[in-house]
Amino acid sequence: MTTTKSDAALLIDGTWEEAEATTEDRDPGTGEVVAELPRGSADDVDRAVSAARRAFGEWSALAASARAKYLIAAADALESDVEDWARLMCREMGKPLAESKIECARAAAILRFFAGEAHRPFGEHYESDNAGTWLFTRRQPTGVTGIITPWNFPAAIPAWKLAPALVFGNTVVAKFADDAAVTSLRVARALYDAGLPKGVLNVVTGPGSEVGAALVEHPEIDAISFTGSTDVGHGILQSASKSAKKVQLELGGHNPVIVRRDADVPAAVAAVALGAFASAGQKCTATRRIYVNRAVYDDFAGGLSERARDLVVGYGLDEGTEMGPLVNEAQLQGVLEALERAAKEGNMQGGRRLTDDGLDKGCYMSPAVLTDLPHDSEFASDEVFGPAVALWPVDGDDEALELANRTTYGLSAAIFTRDLNAAKSFVERIEAGIVHVNSQTAGAEVHVPFGGLAGSGYGPHEQGRAAREFYTEQKTVYLDPAPN
């Protein structure tokens, strides 16, 4: 991909800029420095917001199809660069190469989907009670939008926020997470290289306590879209509410799986292992809790334990690696400390730091399977963001559903069964925004809404047609002819 400066730079008012201060961006698999990230400031945020405000009028006045052309051009560039881009993702945040390639391709697909929104229906016509009145709704851009993205999906999540924001006519100031900012910047670079007008997209990297806070509190920001931890999200909501900003939050998940006695146990084991351990368990839709009917509990627990033991942990660019390192040392230590507490309450397989075979320089651990924990334990109620999953035996569907719903979260959930009635009951009774039957809790297609209930989200859902609810405002129009 062609660049005009370093891959790590601020983008403000159409210009790539360096910063006086930088932060080291390290490969979690080797400890090597991948890049020096610019450490932006509140002043940089202010300049970026001013640029976005200046650009808003002209950008929002363009035909949606004209805006869509920039997304299509960016998607073309990203698709041609998937191999290199995926390798960067692997080096920057540890995701194995095969997973990274899938995510990079998905980011391009997201841009293409939202480019297609330019020609989809964008309002409704109603019959008025008054003869001769045209009564309809129309949508217009929300305004200058602040976007804050996490490190765990550094290609897909920036794409699924930037694409609808831009195609619907908003201008943007984005803050990408430091642990994967260079990967995310490739999305911005592709849009910039496509000729996006200056000021339409601005990017300021830096600490959330300074850059993120300045973005949320800025009086010229009309809306904030955030994906990240529940605690940070709640702080953003409280801060943004002071100036009545529109807020969209995608937060944590503590996602349950129910395995009924009629389930295909090997298929359930394979799906749960993928949902729990892919991306080293570092995703909000990862499987965390499993409630298994006693009739098949031993078979399921044995199968999952065997799969966890056999999982190949290693550097993401090495052939055969199934699970890479956690994103950084602090993340690894937090997970290991939670597992140490859990081991005092129940039984644990795995969950140890790995240092053999050249893994000593990275943030590696073995996947953990926990059993015999109390139902009020940490792993029963709180999200631990790593490759660890807990199992409990249950006597029937009612008990399983009661336990599955016994958290403050409501993002994703799954059931494994051959019984259609049981599946229907689960879909109706489970408290989750995303529901799977006979598939893992993780995963989302680009054209359908994505979002959680309760403590897992706030505001309109993301992706698909749902995205327009956040990135546009609706007007109702009464149009009467002038008197003759």
Protein backbone atom coordinates (compact mmCIF):
# COMPACT_ATOMS: atom_id res chain seq x y z
CA MET A 1 0.00 0.00 0.00
CA THR A 2 1.35 3.41 -0.99
CA THR A 3 1.93 5.84 1.87
CA THR A 4 3.05 9.44 2.01
CA LYS A 5 4.55 9.27 5.50
CA SER A 6 4.91 6.65 8.18
CA ASP A 7 2.11 4.12 8.53
CA ALA A 8 1.78 5.49 12.08
CA ALA A 9 0.70 9.12 11.94
CA LEU A 10 -2.11 11.47 12.85
CA LEU A 11 -4.54 12.45 10.10
CA ILE A 12 -5.86 15.99 10.58
CA ASP A 13 -7.55 18.10 7.92
CA GLY A 14 -6.21 16.01 5.05
CA THR A 15 -2.59 15.91 6.24
CA TRP A 16 -0.63 13.07 7.81
CA GLU A 17 1.25 14.46 10.79
CA GLU A 18 3.86 13.25 13.20
CA ALA A 19 3.62 14.01 16.92
CA GLU A 20 6.23 15.21 19.37
CA ALA A 21 5.58 12.28 21.71
CA THR A 22 5.30 8.63 20.70
CA THR A 23 4.37 5.28 22.23
CA GLU A 24 6.06 1.98 21.42
CA ASP A 25 3.78 -0.50 19.68
CA ARG A 26 5.16 -3.98 20.43
CA ASP A 27 4.56 -7.41 18.95
CA PRO A 28 2.98 -9.45 21.79
CA GLY A 29 4.46 -12.62 20.35
CA THR A 30 8.11 -11.52 20.31
CA GLY A 31 8.35 -8.27 22.25
CA GLU A 32 9.81 -6.51 19.20
CA VAL A 33 8.79 -2.93 18.39
CA VAL A 34 6.40 -2.83 15.43
CA ALA A 35 6.01 0.95 15.24
CA GLU A 36 6.31 4.23 17.12
CA LEU A 37 2.75 5.49 17.53
CA PRO A 38 2.07 9.23 17.67
CA ARG A 39 0.77 10.26 21.05
CA GLY A 40 -1.88 12.83 20.22
CA SER A 41 -3.20 15.48 22.57
CA ALA A 42 -6.41 17.30 23.40
CA ASP A 43 -5.18 20.13 21.15
CA ASP A 44 -4.88 17.66 18.27
CA VAL A 45 -8.45 16.54 18.92
CA ASP A 46 -9.62 20.13 18.84
CA ARG A 47 -7.93 20.75 15.49
CA ALA A 48 -9.39 17.52 14.09
CA VAL A 49 -12.91 18.37 15.25
CA SER A 50 -12.64 21.85 13.73
CA ALA A 51 -11.57 20.31 10.42
CA ALA A 52 -14.46 17.85 10.51
CA ARG A 53 -16.91 20.66 11.23
CA ARG A 54 -15.61 22.72 8.28
CA ALA A 55 -15.88 19.73 5.96
CA PHE A 56 -19.36 18.68 7.04
CA GLY A 57 -21.46 21.00 4.90
CA GLU A 58 -19.89 20.13 1.56
CA TRP A 59 -19.56 16.42 2.35
CA SER A 60 -23.15 15.99 3.54
CA ALA A 61 -24.40 17.84 0.44
CA LEU A 62 -22.86 15.26 -1.92
CA ALA A 63 -25.06 12.60 -3.44
CA ALA A 64 -24.82 9.42 -1.39
CA SER A 65 -23.64 7.56 -4.50
CA ALA A 66 -20.72 10.00 -4.79
CA ARG A 67 -19.74 9.30 -1.20
CA ALA A 68 -20.04 5.57 -1.85
CA LYS A 69 -17.37 5.70 -4.56
CA TYR A 70 -14.71 6.44 -1.96
CA LEU A 71 -15.73 3.35 0.00
CA ILE A 72 -15.58 1.17 -3.10
CA ALA A 73 -12.13 2.45 -4.03
CA ALA A 74 -10.89 1.86 -0.47
CA ALA A 75 -12.33 -1.67 -0.49
CA ASP A 76 -10.49 -2.41 -3.75
CA ALA A 77 -7.21 -1.24 -2.24
CA LEU A 78 -7.66 -3.20 0.98
CA GLU A 79 -8.59 -6.40 -0.85
CA SER A 80 -5.42 -6.16 -2.91
CA ASP A 81 -3.41 -5.81 0.30
CA VAL A 82 -5.01 -8.51 2.48
CA GLU A 83 -1.87 -10.65 2.81
CA ASP A 84 0.38 -7.83 3.98
CA TRP A 85 -2.35 -6.24 6.07
CA ALA A 86 -3.09 -9.54 7.83
CA ARG A 87 0.59 -10.06 8.61
CA LEU A 88 0.68 -6.60 10.17
CA MET A 89 -2.36 -7.44 12.31
CA CYS A 90 -0.71 -10.64 13.45
CA ARG A 91 2.49 -8.83 14.43
CA GLU A 92 0.70 -5.95 16.09
CA MET A 93 -1.90 -7.72 18.26
CA GLY A 94 -1.15 -11.43 17.99
CA LYS A 95 -4.10 -12.81 16.03
CA PRO A 96 -3.05 -15.89 13.98
CA LEU A 97 -2.58 -15.26 10.27
CA ALA A 98 -5.57 -17.32 9.12
CA GLU A 99 -7.91 -15.38 11.42
CA SER A 100 -6.30 -12.09 10.43
CA LYS A 101 -6.89 -12.75 6.73
CA ILE A 102 -10.56 -13.46 7.36
CA GLU A 103 -10.94 -10.23 9.31
CA CYS A 104 -9.16 -8.11 6.70
CA ALA A 105 -11.34 -9.50 3.93
CA ARG A 106 -14.38 -8.84 6.07
CA ALA A 107 -13.40 -5.20 6.53
CA ALA A 108 -13.37 -4.72 2.75
CA ALA A 109 -16.75 -6.46 2.50
CA ILE A 110 -18.17 -4.07 5.10
CA LEU A 111 -17.07 -1.08 3.02
CA ARG A 112 -18.76 -2.60 -0.04
CA PHE A 113 -21.98 -3.32 1.83
CA PHE A 114 -22.31 0.26 3.05
CA ALA A 115 -21.43 1.63 -0.36
CA GLY A 116 -24.55 -0.23 -1.49
CA GLU A 117 -26.61 1.64 1.10
CA ALA A 118 -26.35 4.70 -1.14
CA HIS A 119 -29.07 3.26 -3.41
CA ARG A 120 -31.31 1.63 -0.81
CA PRO A 121 -34.59 3.17 0.45
CA PHE A 122 -33.90 6.02 2.83
CA GLY A 123 -37.33 7.22 3.89
CA GLU A 124 -41.01 6.29 3.97
CA HIS A 125 -44.14 7.73 2.41
CA TYR A 126 -47.41 7.89 4.37
CA GLU A 127 -50.99 8.65 3.40
CA SER A 128 -52.04 11.89 5.07
CA ASP A 129 -55.49 12.53 6.54
CA ASN A 130 -55.49 15.74 4.52
CA ALA A 131 -56.10 15.41 0.80
CA GLY A 132 -53.29 16.91 -1.24
CA THR A 133 -50.67 16.64 1.50
CA TRP A 134 -47.54 14.66 0.83
CA LEU A 135 -46.43 13.12 4.15
CA PHE A 136 -43.06 11.43 4.29
CA THR A 137 -39.89 10.97 6.29
CA ARG A 138 -36.35 11.73 5.24
CA ARG A 139 -33.03 11.13 6.89
CA GLN A 140 -30.03 13.41 7.21
CA PRO A 141 -26.55 12.93 8.69
CA THR A 142 -26.15 13.08 12.45
CA GLY A 143 -23.18 15.45 12.12
CA VAL A 144 -19.59 15.34 13.33
CA THR A 145 -19.09 11.89 14.80
CA GLY A 146 -16.45 10.67 17.24
CA ILE A 147 -15.45 7.05 16.80
CA ILE A 148 -13.47 5.06 19.38
CA THR A 149 -12.42 1.51 18.46
CA PRO A 150 -10.76 -1.37 20.37
CA TRP A 151 -7.68 -3.43 19.56
CA ASN A 152 -9.25 -6.90 19.24
CA PHE A 153 -10.77 -6.40 15.77
CA PRO A 154 -8.54 -3.63 14.43
CA ALA A 155 -9.68 -3.95 10.79
CA ALA A 156 -13.36 -4.92 11.02
CA ILE A 157 -14.57 -2.61 13.77
CA PRO A 158 -13.08 0.60 12.30
CA ALA A 159 -14.63 -0.41 8.97
CA TRP A 160 -18.08 -1.04 10.40
CA LYS A 161 -18.09 2.34 12.11
CA LEU A 162 -16.40 4.45 9.43
CA ALA A 163 -18.32 3.03 6.47
CA PRO A 164 -21.86 3.92 7.59
CA ALA A 165 -20.72 7.21 9.13
CA LEU A 166 -19.23 8.36 5.84
CA VAL A 167 -21.77 7.02 3.37
CA PHE A 168 -24.62 8.62 5.33
CA GLY A 169 -22.86 12.01 5.14
CA ASN A 170 -21.18 12.43 8.51
CA THR A 171 -17.64 13.65 9.05
CA VAL A 172 -15.48 11.77 11.53
CA VAL A 173 -12.77 12.07 14.15
CA ALA A 174 -11.54 8.59 15.06
CA LYS A 175 -9.40 7.29 17.90
CA PHE A 176 -7.95 3.82 17.30
CA ALA A 177 -6.62 1.68 20.15
CA ASP A 178 -2.84 1.89 20.60
CA ASP A 179 -2.36 -1.88 20.72
CA ALA A 180 -3.45 -2.18 17.08
CA ALA A 181 -3.50 1.37 15.75
CA VAL A 182 -1.31 0.76 12.70
CA THR A 183 -3.63 -2.00 11.48
CA SER A 184 -6.63 0.31 11.94
CA LEU A 185 -4.83 3.17 10.24
CA ARG A 186 -4.71 1.10 7.06
CA VAL A 187 -8.48 1.58 6.75
CA ALA A 188 -8.06 5.34 7.09
CA ARG A 189 -5.12 5.27 4.68
CA ALA A 190 -7.17 3.45 2.06
CA LEU A 191 -9.95 6.03 2.31
CA TYR A 192 -7.41 8.87 2.18
CA ASP A 193 -5.70 7.37 -0.88
CA ALA A 194 -9.12 7.05 -2.53
CA GLY A 195 -9.25 10.85 -2.55
CA LEU A 196 -11.51 11.52 0.42
CA PRO A 197 -11.85 15.32 0.79
CA LYS A 198 -9.75 16.86 3.54
CA GLY A 199 -11.35 17.09 6.94
CA VAL A 200 -13.94 14.39 6.23
CA LEU A 201 -11.94 11.75 8.12
CA ASN A 202 -9.49 12.62 10.88
CA VAL A 203 -7.57 10.24 13.15
CA VAL A 204 -5.90 11.05 16.47
CA THR A 205 -4.15 8.24 18.34
CA GLY A 206 -3.11 8.44 21.96
CA PRO A 207 -4.20 7.53 25.49
CA GLY A 208 -7.92 7.23 26.12
CA SER A 209 -7.64 9.33 29.26
CA GLU A 210 -6.55 12.31 27.14
CA VAL A 211 -7.52 11.80 23.50
CA GLY A 212 -10.66 9.76 24.16
CA ALA A 213 -11.84 12.09 26.90
CA ALA A 214 -11.25 15.17 24.75
CA LEU A 215 -13.26 13.62 21.95
CA VAL A 216 -16.20 12.68 24.18
CA GLU A 217 -16.28 16.06 25.92
CA HIS A 218 -15.79 18.25 22.84
CA PRO A 219 -18.79 20.57 22.33
CA GLU A 220 -18.61 20.30 18.51
CA ILE A 221 -18.95 16.49 18.50
CA ASP A 222 -22.55 15.50 17.83
CA ALA A 223 -22.31 11.74 18.41
CA ILE A 224 -19.96 9.15 19.91
CA SER A 225 -19.71 5.51 18.81
CA PHE A 226 -17.62 3.38 21.17
CA THR A 227 -16.68 -0.29 21.32
CA GLY A 228 -14.79 -1.46 24.39
CA SER A 229 -15.07 -2.34 28.04
CA THR A 230 -18.28 -1.89 29.99
CA ASP A 231 -16.69 0.34 32.64
CA VAL A 232 -15.20 2.73 30.09
CA GLY A 233 -18.45 2.75 28.13
CA HIS A 234 -20.47 3.74 31.16
CA GLY A 235 -18.03 6.58 31.81
CA ILE A 236 -18.43 7.78 28.22
CA LEU A 237 -22.22 7.71 28.53
CA GLN A 238 -22.12 9.77 31.70
CA SER A 239 -19.74 12.31 30.19
CA ALA A 240 -21.47 12.57 26.81
CA SER A 241 -24.90 12.99 28.42
CA LYS A 242 -23.81 16.35 29.85
CA SER A 243 -23.94 17.83 26.35
CA ALA A 244 -26.79 15.60 25.08
CA LYS A 245 -24.61 13.81 22.54
CA LYS A 246 -26.02 10.85 20.68
CA VAL A 247 -24.25 7.75 22.04
CA GLN A 248 -23.78 4.21 20.72
CA LEU A 249 -22.00 1.70 22.95
CA GLU A 250 -20.95 -1.86 22.19
CA LEU A 251 -19.64 -3.27 25.45
CA GLY A 252 -18.69 -6.53 27.11
CA GLY A 253 -20.29 -9.93 27.01
CA HIS A 254 -20.36 -12.99 29.26
CA ASN A 255 -21.82 -15.32 26.72
CA PRO A 256 -23.50 -18.61 27.68
CA VAL A 257 -23.94 -21.87 25.80
CA ILE A 258 -26.53 -24.50 26.70
CA VAL A 259 -25.81 -28.09 25.66
CA ARG A 260 -28.97 -30.21 25.88
CA ARG A 261 -29.01 -33.98 26.30
CA ASP A 262 -30.07 -34.39 22.65
CA ALA A 263 -27.16 -32.31 21.31
CA ASP A 264 -24.55 -33.56 18.86
CA VAL A 265 -21.81 -33.53 21.50
CA PRO A 266 -18.74 -33.62 19.19
CA ALA A 267 -20.18 -30.76 17.12
CA ALA A 268 -20.91 -28.79 20.29
CA VAL A 269 -17.38 -29.37 21.58
CA ALA A 270 -15.85 -28.15 18.32
CA ALA A 271 -18.05 -25.03 18.23
CA VAL A 272 -17.48 -24.14 21.89
CA ALA A 273 -13.71 -24.56 21.56
CA LEU A 274 -13.70 -22.24 18.56
CA GLY A 275 -15.92 -19.71 20.32
CA ALA A 276 -13.86 -19.78 23.51
CA PHE A 277 -10.28 -19.96 22.25
CA ALA A 278 -10.14 -18.29 18.81
CA SER A 279 -8.44 -14.89 19.02
CA ALA A 280 -7.19 -16.10 22.43
CA GLY A 281 -10.69 -15.47 23.75
CA GLN A 282 -10.24 -11.74 23.28
CA LYS A 283 -13.59 -10.83 21.79
CA CYS A 284 -16.83 -9.66 23.32
CA THR A 285 -18.80 -12.52 21.72
CA ALA A 286 -16.45 -15.27 22.93
CA THR A 287 -17.98 -18.23 24.75
CA ARG A 288 -17.47 -17.89 28.52
CA ARG A 289 -20.04 -20.10 30.31
CA ILE A 290 -21.39 -23.54 29.37
CA TYR A 291 -24.37 -25.26 30.99
CA VAL A 292 -24.44 -28.94 30.05
CA ASN A 293 -27.17 -31.46 30.74
CA ARG A 294 -25.92 -34.04 33.24
CA ALA A 295 -26.67 -36.89 30.84
CA VAL A 296 -23.93 -35.69 28.48
CA TYR A 297 -21.79 -33.63 30.85
CA ASP A 298 -18.91 -36.09 31.19
CA ASP A 299 -18.67 -36.66 27.43
CA PHE A 300 -18.77 -32.95 26.71
CA ALA A 301 -16.32 -31.97 29.47
CA GLY A 302 -13.90 -34.68 28.41
CA GLY A 303 -14.09 -33.68 24.77
CA LEU A 304 -13.57 -29.99 25.47
CA SER A 305 -10.68 -30.66 27.84
CA GLU A 306 -8.99 -32.82 25.21
CA ARG A 307 -9.45 -30.14 22.55
CA ALA A 308 -8.01 -27.47 24.87
CA ARG A 309 -4.98 -29.64 25.65
CA ASP A 310 -4.31 -30.30 21.97
CA LEU A 311 -4.68 -26.69 20.83
CA VAL A 312 -1.49 -25.44 19.18
CA VAL A 313 -0.39 -22.21 20.88
CA GLY A 314 2.35 -20.22 19.17
CA TYR A 315 3.38 -17.23 17.14
CA GLY A 316 0.65 -16.12 14.80
CA LEU A 317 2.82 -16.20 11.67
CA ASP A 318 4.02 -19.76 12.32
CA GLU A 319 2.33 -22.46 10.28
CA GLY A 320 -0.07 -24.58 12.33
CA THR A 321 -0.65 -22.01 15.11
CA GLU A 322 -4.25 -22.15 16.31
CA MET A 323 -4.04 -19.63 19.17
CA GLY A 324 -1.62 -16.74 19.42
CA PRO A 325 -0.51 -14.58 22.36
CA LEU A 326 -2.66 -12.21 24.33
CA VAL A 327 -2.34 -8.60 23.24
CA ASN A 328 0.01 -7.36 25.96
CA GLU A 329 1.54 -8.18 29.31
CA ALA A 330 -1.10 -6.36 31.34
CA GLN A 331 -3.87 -8.26 29.59
CA LEU A 332 -2.12 -11.59 30.19
CA GLN A 333 -1.50 -10.87 33.86
CA GLY A 334 -5.12 -9.86 34.41
CA VAL A 335 -6.37 -13.15 32.98
CA LEU A 336 -3.82 -15.24 34.90
CA GLU A 337 -4.73 -13.51 38.16
CA ALA A 338 -8.44 -14.21 37.59
CA LEU A 339 -7.61 -17.87 36.90
CA GLU A 340 -5.53 -18.09 40.06
CA ARG A 341 -8.53 -16.90 42.06
CA ALA A 342 -10.80 -19.39 40.28
CA ALA A 343 -8.46 -22.31 40.93
CA LYS A 344 -9.01 -21.79 44.66
CA GLU A 345 -12.77 -22.32 44.22
CA GLY A 346 -12.89 -25.15 41.69
CA ASN A 347 -10.82 -27.23 39.30
CA MET A 348 -8.79 -25.92 36.38
CA GLN A 349 -7.09 -27.48 33.40
CA GLY A 350 -4.52 -25.31 31.61
CA GLY A 351 -4.51 -21.60 32.29
CA ARG A 352 -0.75 -21.36 32.70
CA ARG A 353 1.78 -18.99 31.18
CA LEU A 354 3.78 -20.68 28.40
CA THR A 355 7.52 -20.04 28.14
CA ASP A 356 8.95 -23.15 26.49
CA ASP A 357 9.91 -23.52 22.82
CA GLY A 358 10.77 -19.87 22.34
CA LEU A 359 7.55 -18.50 23.83
CA ASP A 360 9.28 -16.82 26.78
CA LYS A 361 9.46 -13.40 25.08
CA GLY A 362 5.74 -13.24 24.35
CA CYS A 363 2.39 -13.10 26.14
CA TYR A 364 1.37 -16.75 25.76
CA MET A 365 -0.84 -18.95 27.91
CA SER A 366 -2.57 -22.29 27.61
CA PRO A 367 -6.35 -22.26 27.22
CA ALA A 368 -8.21 -22.89 30.46
CA VAL A 369 -11.21 -25.12 31.20
CA LEU A 370 -12.78 -24.55 34.64
CA THR A 371 -15.17 -26.89 36.45
CA ASP A 372 -16.84 -27.20 39.85
CA LEU A 373 -17.05 -23.44 40.40
CA PRO A 374 -19.82 -21.92 42.54
CA HIS A 375 -22.60 -20.21 40.62
CA ASP A 376 -21.70 -16.92 42.29
CA SER A 377 -18.02 -17.11 41.36
CA GLU A 378 -16.19 -14.54 39.24
CA PHE A 379 -16.28 -16.72 36.12
CA ALA A 380 -20.02 -17.21 36.54
CA SER A 381 -20.81 -13.51 36.58
CA ASP A 382 -17.97 -11.36 35.22
CA GLU A 383 -16.22 -11.17 31.86
CA VAL A 384 -12.59 -12.34 31.89
CA PHE A 385 -11.15 -11.33 28.53
CA GLY A 386 -9.03 -14.33 27.61
CA PRO A 387 -9.01 -18.01 26.57
CA ALA A 388 -10.90 -19.41 29.55
CA VAL A 389 -14.26 -21.11 29.77
CA ALA A 390 -16.26 -22.53 32.70
CA LEU A 391 -18.62 -25.55 32.72
CA TRP A 392 -21.53 -26.48 34.98
CA PRO A 393 -23.86 -29.50 34.88
CA VAL A 394 -27.61 -28.82 34.85
CA ASP A 395 -30.70 -30.99 35.17
CA GLY A 396 -32.88 -29.37 32.52
CA ASP A 397 -33.74 -26.41 30.31
CA ASP A 398 -35.31 -24.23 32.99
CA GLU A 399 -32.26 -24.43 35.22
CA ALA A 400 -29.93 -23.81 32.28
CA LEU A 401 -31.87 -20.75 31.12
CA GLU A 402 -32.11 -19.30 34.61
CA LEU A 403 -28.33 -19.58 35.03
CA ALA A 404 -27.61 -18.34 31.51
CA ASN A 405 -29.64 -15.18 32.18
CA ARG A 406 -28.13 -14.59 35.62
CA THR A 407 -25.69 -11.81 34.61
CA THR A 408 -25.81 -8.11 33.82
CA TYR A 409 -24.72 -8.84 30.24
CA GLY A 410 -26.80 -9.73 27.21
CA LEU A 411 -24.67 -9.90 24.08
CA SER A 412 -24.60 -13.39 22.56
CA ALA A 413 -25.81 -16.88 23.49
CA ALA A 414 -26.09 -20.32 21.90
CA ILE A 415 -27.89 -23.62 22.34
CA PHE A 416 -27.05 -27.06 20.96
CA THR A 417 -30.08 -29.26 20.40
CA ARG A 418 -31.96 -31.33 17.84
CA ASP A 419 -35.31 -30.29 19.31
CA LEU A 420 -37.04 -27.50 17.37
CA ASN A 421 -39.37 -26.64 20.23
CA ALA A 422 -36.45 -26.34 22.65
CA ALA A 423 -34.61 -24.11 20.19
CA LYS A 424 -37.68 -21.89 19.76
CA SER A 425 -38.12 -21.57 23.53
CA PHE A 426 -34.45 -20.65 23.91
CA VAL A 427 -34.67 -17.94 21.25
CA GLU A 428 -37.69 -16.46 23.02
CA ARG A 429 -36.40 -16.66 26.60
CA ILE A 430 -32.68 -15.99 26.40
CA GLU A 431 -31.66 -12.41 27.21
CA ALA A 432 -29.21 -11.69 24.42
CA GLY A 433 -29.06 -9.48 21.36
CA ILE A 434 -27.49 -12.25 19.22
CA VAL A 435 -28.75 -15.83 19.43
CA HIS A 436 -27.24 -18.94 17.84
CA VAL A 437 -28.73 -22.41 17.47
CA ASN A 438 -26.13 -25.14 16.91
CA SER A 439 -23.28 -22.69 16.27
CA GLN A 440 -20.71 -20.82 18.34
CA THR A 441 -21.49 -17.55 20.13
CA ALA A 442 -18.94 -15.55 18.13
CA GLY A 443 -19.33 -14.33 14.58
CA ALA A 444 -21.50 -11.78 12.79
CA GLU A 445 -22.40 -11.30 9.15
CA VAL A 446 -21.98 -7.83 7.69
CA HIS A 447 -25.59 -7.25 6.58
CA VAL A 448 -27.42 -7.93 9.88
CA PRO A 449 -27.64 -5.90 13.11
CA PHE A 450 -24.99 -6.48 15.77
CA GLY A 451 -25.49 -5.50 19.38
CA GLY A 452 -26.36 -6.55 22.88
CA LEU A 453 -28.99 -6.03 25.54
CA ALA A 454 -28.73 -4.88 29.17
CA GLY A 455 -25.11 -4.18 30.16
CA SER A 456 -23.72 -5.23 26.79
CA GLY A 457 -24.87 -2.22 24.81
CA TYR A 458 -26.56 1.12 24.65
CA GLY A 459 -28.21 2.92 21.76
CA PRO A 460 -28.89 1.66 18.22
CA HIS A 461 -27.22 -1.54 17.09
CA GLU A 462 -24.39 -1.58 14.57
CA GLN A 463 -24.01 -3.07 11.08
CA GLY A 464 -26.63 -3.82 8.47
CA ARG A 465 -29.56 -1.49 8.02
CA ALA A 466 -29.57 -0.84 11.77
CA ALA A 467 -26.53 1.42 11.36
CA ARG A 468 -28.61 4.20 9.83
CA GLU A 469 -30.46 4.64 13.15
CA PHE A 470 -27.31 6.02 14.76
CA TYR A 471 -25.62 7.75 11.85
CA THR A 472 -28.73 9.60 10.64
CA GLU A 473 -31.51 11.69 12.11
CA GLN A 474 -35.10 11.33 10.92
CA LYS A 475 -37.39 14.19 9.88
CA THR A 476 -41.11 14.00 9.22
CA VAL A 477 -42.18 16.26 6.36
CA TYR A 478 -45.67 17.63 5.57
CA LEU A 479 -45.62 19.00 2.03
CA ASP A 480 -48.67 20.94 0.89
CA PRO A 481 -49.00 22.77 -2.44
CA ALA A 482 -49.13 26.55 -2.29
CA PRO A 483 -52.61 28.07 -2.81
CA ASN A 484 -53.48 29.00 -6.40
